[in-house]
Protein backbone atom coordinates (compact mmCIF):
# COMPACT_ATOMS: atom_id res chain seq x y z
CA MET A 1 197.42 116.18 45.16
CA GLN A 2 200.07 118.67 46.17
CA GLN A 3 201.83 118.21 49.49
CA TRP A 4 201.75 121.14 51.87
CA PHE A 5 203.57 122.02 55.07
CA SER A 6 202.14 123.94 58.02
CA VAL A 7 203.87 126.22 60.48
CA SER A 8 202.25 127.54 63.64
CA LEU A 9 203.22 131.09 64.52
CA GLY A 10 201.42 130.97 67.86
CA ASP A 11 199.13 133.56 69.40
CA ALA A 12 197.76 136.01 66.84
CA LEU A 13 198.45 139.03 69.06
CA LEU A 14 202.14 138.18 69.12
CA ALA A 15 202.52 136.63 65.65
CA GLN A 16 202.27 139.73 63.43
CA ALA A 17 206.00 140.49 63.52
CA LYS A 18 206.84 136.82 62.78
CA LEU A 19 204.31 136.80 59.93
CA SER A 20 205.85 139.93 58.37
CA MET A 21 209.38 138.52 58.59
CA LEU A 22 208.23 135.18 57.17
CA GLU A 23 206.41 136.94 54.33
CA GLN A 24 209.62 138.72 53.32
CA TYR A 25 211.75 135.58 53.63
CA LEU A 26 209.33 133.42 51.61
CA SER A 27 208.98 136.15 48.97
CA ASP A 28 212.77 136.21 48.64
CA CYS A 29 212.84 132.41 48.26
CA TYR A 30 210.16 132.65 45.57
CA GLU A 31 212.12 135.35 43.71
CA GLN A 32 215.33 133.30 43.88
CA ALA A 33 213.46 130.35 42.33
CA GLU A 34 212.49 132.58 39.39
CA LYS A 35 208.86 132.81 40.54
CA SER A 36 208.09 129.14 40.14
CA PRO A 37 204.29 128.66 39.97
CA ASN A 38 204.44 125.66 42.31
CA MET A 39 205.70 127.78 45.23
CA SER A 40 202.92 129.24 47.35
CA ALA A 41 202.39 130.34 50.93
CA LEU A 42 199.05 131.07 52.59
CA TYR A 43 198.00 131.84 56.15
CA ARG A 44 194.93 131.73 58.35
CA HIS A 45 193.84 132.93 61.78
CA GLU A 46 192.42 129.98 63.70
CA SER A 47 190.37 130.12 66.88
CA ARG A 48 190.77 127.59 69.66
CA GLY A 49 188.65 128.41 72.63
CA LEU A 50 189.34 131.97 73.72
CA HIS A 51 192.61 132.25 71.80
CA CYS A 52 193.38 132.95 68.15
CA TYR A 53 196.45 131.51 66.45
CA VAL A 54 198.14 132.11 63.11
CA SER A 55 199.04 129.17 60.90
CA VAL A 56 201.06 129.40 57.69
CA PHE A 57 200.80 126.81 54.91
CA LEU A 58 203.39 126.42 52.17
CA THR A 59 203.83 124.06 49.25
CA ALA A 60 206.52 121.39 49.36
CA PRO A 61 208.73 123.14 46.74
CA LEU A 62 208.70 126.36 48.77
CA GLN A 63 209.49 124.45 51.97
CA GLN A 64 212.38 122.71 50.20
CA ARG A 65 213.88 126.10 49.39
CA ALA A 66 212.94 127.86 52.66
CA LYS A 67 213.95 124.96 54.94
CA LEU A 68 211.76 126.10 57.85
CA ASP A 69 212.67 124.07 60.95
CA ASN A 70 209.19 123.98 62.45
CA ALA A 71 207.28 122.97 59.30
CA VAL A 72 205.08 119.87 59.55
CA ALA A 73 203.93 117.93 56.49
CA CYS A 74 200.21 117.85 55.70
CA HIS A 75 198.62 116.41 52.57
CA LYS A 76 195.41 118.41 52.31
CA ILE A 77 194.62 121.87 53.57
CA ASN A 78 191.27 123.43 54.29
CA THR A 79 191.00 126.62 52.21
CA ASP A 80 188.37 128.29 54.42
CA ASN A 81 189.41 131.79 55.50
CA MET A 82 192.83 131.44 53.90
CA SER A 83 194.80 134.54 52.88
CA TYR A 84 197.70 134.93 50.45
CA LEU A 85 201.14 135.41 52.02
CA ALA A 86 203.89 134.89 49.41
CA GLY A 87 204.82 133.13 46.19
CA TYR A 88 202.35 132.27 43.49
CA ASN A 89 198.79 133.17 44.52
CA VAL A 90 196.90 129.87 44.24
CA LEU A 91 193.74 131.15 45.92
CA PRO A 92 191.91 132.16 42.74
CA ASN A 93 192.39 128.64 41.35
CA MET A 94 191.17 126.86 44.49
CA ASP A 95 192.77 123.63 43.21
CA PHE A 96 194.39 122.29 46.38
């Protein structure tokens, strides 16, 4: 089982700029690692009550390179409503 890290970007209405900047940064990290197939980043909009939040999930190798301060380790991620963000696109494989 691959270890993942999660990062909350907060309220979806305010998170779009953060998501775009993170997408570019993680894509650069992936490129610098010569497009390693074990580096992936995904995101999802999550509803909690009346509010919607954006959460980003990245593999341990990508987190090791990106060194995001607010990343929290998680061992299994739920793939429902997940979208590709950066790195190797693992979504077609669905082997999380």
